């Protein structure tokens, strides 16, 4: 029997895509994915280090994998291995430590390793002109939605962020390759694809033809594929009127923006080295809302940045309260070795950071309730994802504007677009009805 593997993924959508690509490549090399409760010959942990919590979870996953199968091979790959390999190498049971700079070669490297071999550490810097590598992907854990990494790398060097060291220079997937992969994903049966990247708004920055994200979207729209396209996070200073107009007018492009804010105080933004100010952010969100009233607008917020005083925290809370935000992703500040902010004066006490994080997360719940409430009584095209729970009474799904929706059905509805009329709130989801599902 062929050797088996399993992949454990932490972190962002880019990591999720890369894990799916690694899975496809390993299977092409003759390995097989282990069954759910089977001990795999090879366990790959695709790590994250964006926060101390993510790093801790990565180490936990590595230790658990090595302990669960001491006779197998455990590989630690990804961002953690790229930036802090010295923290991973001593963990008992690790057979491979390899960073993002060698991910294109990882399938062959992993396939050639054997349990019991001396630990292999592949520690390489990114080449100045690193090219974009994209392997074919066959299948994702979520069978209705696929991720496609079209961009990698970041050169912004915000004062708190370790990502540029983990991901290297800006690089983009050529438009012709994007279209080819989207056609393939459509052929596999996917109905929605999330375009993702480390710095998505910089798509095309390195391409000789000068194509940018808006141009890529125009090309995708021209293909007429039966796909819904969703964009992952885009920096506020990179959302232009043309992009807003496209989202407003093209029904294949999801009415969903995820925009990092980080702080609602200009002094803190300046210390963070963020390239915008509160006034511009406020104008942008109001402009999006005016043009696309039911668009989902998600916002990243960091609580407890060094030097954030009570006034700065109040400014952040006030800005969030005033703006048409749909939901929040809230992160406590986490000093990362190698970043400027880790050495800043004015580091806040952990209990204060925790309290401010809780303050903002409380606003998140209220923002979701207001946004969900604005959608009651309206119809949405929902991508159904099968039964919710074991009772098989309700179908779960996601609308183009990121509404988690439940609706009753006499049959299982999976990977189909269904028109649902929203009738009310059901906890953290919206409950609706579909005449199509009820009558079938």
Protein backbone atom coordinates (compact mmCIF):
# COMPACT_ATOMS: atom_id res chain seq x y z
CA UNK A 1 0.00 0.00 0.00
CA UNK A 2 1.22 3.52 -0.78
CA UNK A 3 2.39 5.79 2.01
CA UNK A 4 -0.26 7.96 3.62
CA UNK A 5 -0.24 11.61 4.64
CA UNK A 6 -2.36 14.20 6.39
CA UNK A 7 -2.05 17.97 6.38
CA UNK A 8 -2.92 20.21 9.34
CA UNK A 9 -3.41 23.85 8.35
CA UNK A 10 -3.30 26.92 10.57
CA UNK A 11 -3.83 30.52 9.58
CA UNK A 12 -5.09 32.34 6.53
CA UNK A 13 -6.82 31.49 3.25
CA UNK A 14 -3.44 31.58 1.49
CA UNK A 15 -2.26 28.75 3.75
CA UNK A 16 -5.48 26.86 3.07
CA UNK A 17 -4.91 27.13 -0.67
CA UNK A 18 -1.28 26.05 -0.36
CA UNK A 19 -2.26 23.04 1.72
CA UNK A 20 -4.82 22.02 -0.91
CA UNK A 21 -2.15 22.38 -3.62
CA UNK A 22 0.31 20.31 -1.56
CA UNK A 23 -2.33 17.62 -1.09
CA UNK A 24 -2.92 17.43 -4.85
CA UNK A 25 0.79 17.24 -5.60
CA UNK A 26 1.47 14.51 -3.03
CA UNK A 27 -1.36 12.43 -4.47
CA UNK A 28 0.07 12.89 -7.96
CA UNK A 29 3.38 11.55 -6.61
CA UNK A 30 1.65 8.35 -5.51
CA UNK A 31 0.88 9.11 -1.85
CA UNK A 32 -2.64 8.85 -0.49
CA UNK A 33 -4.51 10.96 2.02
CA UNK A 34 -4.98 9.14 5.31
CA UNK A 35 -8.46 8.31 6.52
CA UNK A 36 -9.84 10.43 9.32
CA UNK A 37 -8.72 8.26 12.27
CA UNK A 38 -5.83 6.57 10.52
CA UNK A 39 -2.25 7.13 11.63
CA UNK A 40 -0.52 8.77 8.68
CA UNK A 41 3.01 7.92 7.60
CA UNK A 42 3.61 11.65 7.08
CA UNK A 43 1.93 14.51 8.96
CA UNK A 44 2.50 17.99 7.58
CA UNK A 45 1.75 21.02 9.77
CA UNK A 46 1.38 24.19 7.70
CA UNK A 47 2.16 26.81 10.36
CA UNK A 48 1.22 30.42 11.11
CA UNK A 49 3.02 33.10 13.14
CA UNK A 50 0.95 36.23 12.62
CA UNK A 51 0.31 36.36 16.38
CA UNK A 52 1.78 34.71 19.47
CA UNK A 53 -1.44 32.69 19.76
CA UNK A 54 -1.05 31.39 16.20
CA UNK A 55 2.57 30.46 16.89
CA UNK A 56 1.53 28.65 20.10
CA UNK A 57 -1.19 26.75 18.23
CA UNK A 58 1.35 25.78 15.56
CA UNK A 59 3.74 24.36 18.16
CA UNK A 60 0.87 22.52 19.83
CA UNK A 61 -0.18 20.97 16.53
CA UNK A 62 3.39 19.84 15.79
CA UNK A 63 3.86 18.27 19.22
CA UNK A 64 0.47 16.56 19.05
CA UNK A 65 1.24 15.12 15.61
CA UNK A 66 4.63 13.79 16.69
CA UNK A 67 3.21 12.33 19.90
CA UNK A 68 0.25 10.70 18.16
CA UNK A 69 2.47 8.86 15.70
CA UNK A 70 6.08 8.59 16.93
CA UNK A 71 6.93 6.08 14.22
CA UNK A 72 5.78 8.44 11.46
CA UNK A 73 7.30 11.57 9.94
CA UNK A 74 6.25 15.04 11.14
CA UNK A 75 7.00 18.04 8.91
CA UNK A 76 6.76 21.69 10.03
CA UNK A 77 6.38 24.00 7.05
CA UNK A 78 5.20 27.53 6.28
CA UNK A 79 5.52 30.94 7.89
CA UNK A 80 6.77 29.83 11.32
CA UNK A 81 9.45 27.64 9.76
CA UNK A 82 10.49 30.47 7.45
CA UNK A 83 11.04 33.11 10.13
CA UNK A 84 11.76 31.28 13.39
CA UNK A 85 13.14 27.85 12.42
CA UNK A 86 15.31 27.80 15.55
CA UNK A 87 12.16 27.62 17.69
CA UNK A 88 10.83 24.57 15.85
CA UNK A 89 13.92 22.45 15.22
CA UNK A 90 14.34 21.36 18.89
CA UNK A 91 10.78 20.01 19.16
CA UNK A 92 11.06 16.22 19.54
CA UNK A 93 9.83 14.22 16.59
CA UNK A 94 10.17 16.79 13.82
CA UNK A 95 11.73 15.29 10.70
CA UNK A 96 11.51 18.33 8.43
CA UNK A 97 11.58 22.10 8.95
CA UNK A 98 11.01 24.02 5.71
CA UNK A 99 9.80 27.54 5.04
CA UNK A 100 7.72 29.25 2.37
CA UNK A 101 10.72 29.93 0.14
CA UNK A 102 10.89 26.22 -0.73
CA UNK A 103 7.16 25.44 -0.89
CA UNK A 104 7.31 24.91 -4.67
CA UNK A 105 9.72 22.01 -4.10
CA UNK A 106 8.03 20.61 -1.00
CA UNK A 107 6.01 17.77 -2.57
CA UNK A 108 9.12 16.09 -3.92
CA UNK A 109 11.08 16.80 -0.73
CA UNK A 110 8.37 15.29 1.47
CA UNK A 111 7.86 12.30 -0.79
CA UNK A 112 11.58 11.43 -0.56
CA UNK A 113 11.71 11.58 3.26
CA UNK A 114 11.47 8.57 5.51
CA UNK A 115 10.70 8.25 9.19
CA UNK A 116 13.90 7.82 11.17
CA UNK A 117 16.00 9.93 8.82
CA UNK A 118 18.04 12.73 10.48
CA UNK A 119 16.08 15.97 10.76
CA UNK A 120 16.20 17.91 7.49
CA UNK A 121 16.23 21.70 7.78
CA UNK A 122 15.83 23.69 4.57
CA UNK A 123 16.42 27.33 5.44
CA UNK A 124 16.59 29.61 2.41
CA UNK A 125 15.99 33.32 1.89
CA UNK A 126 13.63 34.46 -0.84
CA UNK A 127 15.32 35.31 -4.14
CA UNK A 128 15.01 38.99 -5.05
CA UNK A 129 13.17 38.03 -8.23
CA UNK A 130 11.23 35.10 -6.81
CA UNK A 131 8.69 33.80 -9.30
CA UNK A 132 5.09 32.87 -8.55
CA UNK A 133 4.64 29.14 -8.29
CA UNK A 134 1.17 27.65 -8.56
CA UNK A 135 0.54 23.91 -8.63
CA UNK A 136 -2.79 22.44 -9.74
CA UNK A 137 -5.38 21.90 -7.02
CA UNK A 138 -7.85 19.04 -6.99
CA UNK A 139 -10.38 19.36 -4.24
CA UNK A 140 -10.85 21.45 -1.10
CA UNK A 141 -12.25 20.55 2.30
CA UNK A 142 -15.25 22.76 1.51
CA UNK A 143 -16.69 21.24 -1.64
CA UNK A 144 -18.71 24.28 -2.66
CA UNK A 145 -16.03 26.96 -2.32
CA UNK A 146 -12.44 26.99 -3.51
CA UNK A 147 -9.56 29.35 -2.82
CA UNK A 148 -7.19 30.54 -5.51
CA UNK A 149 -3.98 32.29 -4.52
CA UNK A 150 -3.29 34.86 -7.22
CA UNK A 151 -0.73 36.93 -5.31
CA UNK A 152 2.00 36.33 -2.74
CA UNK A 153 4.46 38.45 -0.79
CA UNK A 154 4.33 41.83 0.94
CA UNK A 155 6.76 44.73 1.09
CA UNK A 156 4.79 47.17 3.25
CA UNK A 157 6.63 46.42 6.53
CA UNK A 158 3.97 47.73 8.90
CA UNK A 159 5.69 48.16 12.25
CA UNK A 160 3.83 45.26 13.94
CA UNK A 161 3.86 42.74 11.10
CA UNK A 162 6.18 39.79 10.49
CA UNK A 163 4.48 38.76 7.23
CA UNK A 164 7.00 40.41 4.83
CA UNK A 165 9.75 38.26 6.35
CA UNK A 166 7.57 35.16 6.11
CA UNK A 167 6.29 35.70 2.58
CA UNK A 168 9.00 37.53 0.65
CA UNK A 169 8.68 39.95 -2.29
CA UNK A 170 5.56 40.78 -4.29
CA UNK A 171 4.71 38.28 -7.01
CA UNK A 172 1.58 37.50 -9.00
CA UNK A 173 0.06 34.64 -10.94
CA UNK A 174 -0.16 35.48 -14.64
CA UNK A 175 -3.71 36.31 -15.81
CA UNK A 176 -3.69 33.47 -18.34
CA UNK A 177 -2.91 31.00 -15.55
CA UNK A 178 -5.63 32.49 -13.33
CA UNK A 179 -8.20 31.99 -16.08
CA UNK A 180 -7.00 28.44 -16.76
CA UNK A 181 -7.27 27.46 -13.09
CA UNK A 182 -10.69 29.09 -12.71
CA UNK A 183 -11.92 27.11 -15.71
CA UNK A 184 -10.55 23.94 -14.14
CA UNK A 185 -12.17 24.69 -10.77
CA UNK A 186 -15.47 25.32 -12.53
CA UNK A 187 -15.06 22.00 -14.30
CA UNK A 188 -14.56 20.32 -10.92
CA UNK A 189 -17.98 21.61 -9.91
CA UNK A 190 -17.10 24.55 -7.67
CA UNK A 191 -19.63 27.36 -7.66
CA UNK A 192 -17.60 29.98 -5.79
CA UNK A 193 -13.90 30.86 -5.83
CA UNK A 194 -12.24 33.21 -3.36
CA UNK A 195 -9.34 35.14 -4.90
CA UNK A 196 -6.76 35.49 -2.19
CA UNK A 197 -3.27 36.85 -1.66
CA UNK A 198 -0.94 38.15 1.02
CA UNK A 199 -1.33 41.67 -0.40
CA UNK A 200 -4.13 41.18 -2.92
CA UNK A 201 -4.42 44.85 -3.86
CA UNK A 202 -0.87 44.68 -5.23
CA UNK A 203 -1.81 42.01 -7.74
CA UNK A 204 0.08 42.59 -10.99
CA UNK A 205 2.65 44.93 -9.47
CA UNK A 206 5.42 42.63 -10.72
CA UNK A 207 3.90 41.65 -14.06
CA UNK A 208 5.42 43.02 -17.22
CA UNK A 209 2.06 43.60 -18.93
CA UNK A 210 1.04 46.01 -16.17
CA UNK A 211 -2.19 44.16 -15.39
CA UNK A 212 -3.74 45.00 -12.02
CA UNK A 213 -6.53 43.50 -9.92
CA UNK A 214 -9.27 45.44 -11.70
CA UNK A 215 -7.94 44.32 -15.07
CA UNK A 216 -7.82 40.73 -13.87
CA UNK A 217 -11.45 40.94 -12.79
CA UNK A 218 -12.44 42.34 -16.18
CA UNK A 219 -10.76 39.36 -17.84
CA UNK A 220 -12.53 36.94 -15.49
CA UNK A 221 -15.88 38.56 -16.21
CA UNK A 222 -15.27 38.25 -19.92
CA UNK A 223 -14.91 34.48 -19.63
CA UNK A 224 -18.52 34.04 -18.54
CA UNK A 225 -17.70 31.13 -16.25
CA UNK A 226 -20.53 29.83 -14.02
CA UNK A 227 -18.65 30.99 -10.93
CA UNK A 228 -19.21 33.47 -8.17
CA UNK A 229 -15.99 35.34 -7.35
CA UNK A 230 -15.27 36.64 -3.85
CA UNK A 231 -12.32 38.86 -2.96
CA UNK A 232 -10.32 38.39 0.21
CA UNK A 233 -8.81 41.26 2.21
CA UNK A 234 -7.87 44.47 0.36
CA UNK A 235 -6.12 47.49 1.85
CA UNK A 236 -8.33 50.61 2.09
CA UNK A 237 -6.02 52.78 -0.02
CA UNK A 238 -6.21 50.19 -2.81
CA UNK A 239 -10.02 50.18 -3.21
CA UNK A 240 -10.76 52.53 -6.09
CA UNK A 241 -14.03 53.71 -7.60
CA UNK A 242 -13.76 51.31 -10.54
CA UNK A 243 -13.61 48.32 -8.19
CA UNK A 244 -16.63 49.57 -6.25
CA UNK A 245 -18.52 50.07 -9.53
CA UNK A 246 -17.69 46.53 -10.61
CA UNK A 247 -18.94 45.01 -7.37
CA UNK A 248 -22.10 47.11 -7.64
CA UNK A 249 -22.88 46.10 -11.22
CA UNK A 250 -21.56 42.55 -11.78
CA UNK A 251 -23.71 39.80 -10.30
CA UNK A 252 -20.83 37.28 -10.46
CA UNK A 253 -18.74 39.44 -8.12
CA UNK A 254 -19.70 39.15 -4.45
CA UNK A 255 -20.89 42.24 -2.61
CA UNK A 256 -18.30 41.73 0.07
CA UNK A 257 -15.31 43.82 1.12
CA UNK A 258 -12.88 42.86 3.87
CA UNK A 259 -10.79 45.90 4.74
CA UNK A 260 -8.03 46.19 7.37
CA UNK A 261 -8.40 49.26 9.60
CA UNK A 262 -6.29 48.20 12.64
CA UNK A 263 -6.94 51.42 14.60
CA UNK A 264 -9.40 54.29 14.59
CA UNK A 265 -6.78 56.75 15.84
CA UNK A 266 -4.45 58.62 13.50
CA UNK A 267 -1.53 58.71 15.91
CA UNK A 268 -1.64 54.94 16.31
CA UNK A 269 -2.00 54.44 12.55
CA UNK A 270 1.12 56.53 12.01
CA UNK A 271 3.09 54.45 14.54
CA UNK A 272 1.81 51.32 12.82
CA UNK A 273 3.10 52.69 9.49
CA UNK A 274 -0.32 52.31 7.92
CA UNK A 275 -0.63 54.34 4.67
CA UNK A 276 -4.02 56.00 5.32
CA UNK A 277 -5.78 58.04 7.94
CA UNK A 278 -9.12 57.78 9.72
CA UNK A 279 -10.81 60.43 7.58
CA UNK A 280 -10.05 58.57 4.33
CA UNK A 281 -11.20 55.28 5.83
CA UNK A 282 -14.48 56.83 6.97
CA UNK A 283 -15.11 58.31 3.53
CA UNK A 284 -14.36 54.98 1.84
CA UNK A 285 -16.77 52.92 3.94
CA UNK A 286 -19.55 55.48 3.62
CA UNK A 287 -18.97 55.59 -0.13
CA UNK A 288 -19.17 51.80 -0.45
CA UNK A 289 -22.35 51.75 1.63
CA UNK A 290 -23.94 54.53 -0.44
CA UNK A 291 -23.16 52.70 -3.69
CA UNK A 292 -23.91 49.14 -2.45
CA UNK A 293 -26.22 49.40 0.59
CA UNK A 294 -26.32 45.64 1.27
CA UNK A 295 -22.61 45.00 0.78
CA UNK A 296 -20.90 43.18 3.64
CA UNK A 297 -18.02 45.26 4.97
CA UNK A 298 -15.70 43.39 7.31
CA UNK A 299 -12.95 45.22 9.17
CA UNK A 300 -9.76 44.09 10.92
CA UNK A 301 -9.00 45.80 14.24
CA UNK A 302 -5.94 45.46 16.45
CA UNK A 303 -6.40 46.20 20.15
CA UNK A 304 -3.67 47.33 22.53
CA UNK A 305 -0.96 48.57 20.18
CA UNK A 306 2.02 50.07 22.07
CA UNK A 307 1.28 53.66 23.03
CA UNK A 308 -2.48 53.28 22.51
CA UNK A 309 -3.89 55.44 25.31
CA UNK A 310 -7.50 55.66 26.51
CA UNK A 311 -8.28 58.40 24.03
CA UNK A 312 -7.00 56.34 21.09
CA UNK A 313 -9.08 53.35 22.22
CA UNK A 314 -12.18 55.56 22.52
CA UNK A 315 -11.51 56.92 19.04
CA UNK A 316 -11.47 53.38 17.66
CA UNK A 317 -14.73 52.46 19.42
CA UNK A 318 -16.40 55.66 18.25
CA UNK A 319 -15.34 55.18 14.63
CA UNK A 320 -16.60 51.59 14.57
CA UNK A 321 -19.93 52.64 16.08
CA UNK A 322 -20.42 55.36 13.48
CA UNK A 323 -19.53 53.39 10.35
CA UNK A 324 -21.65 50.90 8.31
CA UNK A 325 -19.47 47.95 9.31
CA UNK A 326 -20.99 44.46 9.00
CA UNK A 327 -18.57 42.48 11.16
CA UNK A 328 -15.16 42.73 12.83
CA UNK A 329 -12.09 40.55 13.07
CA UNK A 330 -10.42 41.60 16.31
CA UNK A 331 -6.82 40.79 17.21
CA UNK A 332 -5.00 41.64 20.44
CA UNK A 333 -1.60 43.19 19.72
CA UNK A 334 1.05 40.50 19.77
CA UNK A 335 4.72 41.55 19.72
CA UNK A 336 6.63 39.62 17.08
CA UNK A 337 10.39 39.32 17.33
CA UNK A 338 11.98 41.09 14.38
CA UNK A 339 9.35 43.84 14.05
CA UNK A 340 9.72 47.48 15.08
CA UNK A 341 6.66 47.46 17.34
CA UNK A 342 8.11 44.71 19.50
CA UNK A 343 10.72 47.24 20.66
CA UNK A 344 8.40 50.25 21.04
CA UNK A 345 8.00 52.05 24.33
CA UNK A 346 4.53 52.05 25.86
CA UNK A 347 3.79 48.31 25.75
CA UNK A 348 0.39 47.72 27.37
CA UNK A 349 -0.26 45.21 30.13
CA UNK A 350 -1.80 41.93 28.91
CA UNK A 351 -4.93 42.43 31.03
CA UNK A 352 -5.50 45.86 29.45
CA UNK A 353 -5.06 44.46 25.94
CA UNK A 354 -7.53 41.70 26.79
CA UNK A 355 -10.11 44.20 28.11
CA UNK A 356 -9.85 46.39 25.02
CA UNK A 357 -10.14 43.35 22.79
CA UNK A 358 -13.33 42.36 24.60
CA UNK A 359 -14.71 45.90 24.23
CA UNK A 360 -14.30 45.74 20.47
CA UNK A 361 -15.63 42.18 20.17
CA UNK A 362 -18.76 43.35 21.94
CA UNK A 363 -19.20 45.88 19.14
CA UNK A 364 -18.77 43.09 16.61
CA UNK A 365 -21.89 41.33 17.86
CA UNK A 366 -23.93 44.53 17.70
CA UNK A 367 -22.66 45.33 14.21
CA UNK A 368 -23.64 41.88 12.95
CA UNK A 369 -27.12 42.23 14.43
CA UNK A 370 -27.67 45.59 12.72
CA UNK A 371 -26.38 44.34 9.36
CA UNK A 372 -28.36 41.12 9.54
CA UNK A 373 -31.46 43.07 10.52
CA UNK A 374 -31.13 45.27 7.42
CA UNK A 375 -31.36 42.13 5.27
CA UNK A 376 -34.63 40.76 6.72
CA UNK A 377 -37.44 40.69 4.18
CA UNK A 378 -35.09 40.65 1.19
CA UNK A 379 -34.15 37.91 -1.27
CA UNK A 380 -30.59 36.62 -1.63
CA UNK A 381 -28.92 34.06 -3.86
CA UNK A 382 -27.47 31.57 -1.40
CA UNK A 383 -24.87 28.91 -2.18
CA UNK A 384 -26.23 25.90 -0.29
CA UNK A 385 -23.75 23.76 1.68
CA UNK A 386 -25.83 20.77 2.76
CA UNK A 387 -27.53 19.89 6.02
CA UNK A 388 -26.99 21.91 9.18
CA UNK A 389 -26.38 19.34 11.91
CA UNK A 390 -27.58 15.75 12.13
CA UNK A 391 -31.31 16.44 12.35
CA UNK A 392 -31.44 17.16 8.61
CA UNK A 393 -34.13 19.78 8.95
CA UNK A 394 -32.27 22.88 7.80
CA UNK A 395 -29.87 23.62 4.96
CA UNK A 396 -26.96 25.97 5.63
CA UNK A 397 -25.51 28.31 3.05
CA UNK A 398 -23.79 31.60 2.34
CA UNK A 399 -25.09 34.58 0.39
CA UNK A 400 -22.91 36.70 -1.87
CA UNK A 401 -22.85 39.39 0.83
CA UNK A 402 -21.54 36.94 3.42
CA UNK A 403 -24.77 36.18 5.26
CA UNK A 404 -24.81 32.79 7.03
CA UNK A 405 -28.25 31.51 6.06
CA UNK A 406 -30.43 28.59 7.20
CA UNK A 407 -33.54 27.44 5.36
CA UNK A 408 -35.79 24.35 5.55
CA UNK A 409 -35.82 21.78 2.76
CA UNK A 410 -37.35 18.37 2.05
CA UNK A 411 -34.10 17.23 0.44
CA UNK A 412 -30.41 17.86 0.90
CA UNK A 413 -29.31 20.85 -1.13
CA UNK A 414 -25.56 21.06 -1.62
CA UNK A 415 -23.46 23.10 -4.03
CA UNK A 416 -26.53 24.72 -5.58
CA UNK A 417 -27.58 28.35 -5.80
CA UNK A 418 -30.96 28.88 -4.15
CA UNK A 419 -32.96 32.09 -3.80
CA UNK A 420 -33.83 32.57 -0.13
CA UNK A 421 -36.07 35.21 1.42
CA UNK A 422 -34.71 36.22 4.83
CA UNK A 423 -37.35 36.14 7.57
CA UNK A 424 -35.45 36.63 10.81
CA UNK A 425 -32.46 36.01 13.02
CA UNK A 426 -31.56 32.56 14.32
CA UNK A 427 -28.67 33.14 16.73
CA UNK A 428 -25.64 34.08 14.65
CA UNK A 429 -27.34 33.05 11.41
CA UNK A 430 -30.32 34.24 9.39
CA UNK A 431 -33.36 32.04 8.84
CA UNK A 432 -35.22 32.16 5.56
CA UNK A 433 -37.40 30.22 3.15
CA UNK A 434 -36.88 29.00 -0.40
CA UNK A 435 -39.86 28.08 -2.55
CA UNK A 436 -37.53 26.04 -4.79
CA UNK A 437 -36.19 23.90 -1.93
CA UNK A 438 -39.60 23.46 -0.30
CA UNK A 439 -41.30 22.32 -3.49
CA UNK A 440 -38.60 19.87 -4.58
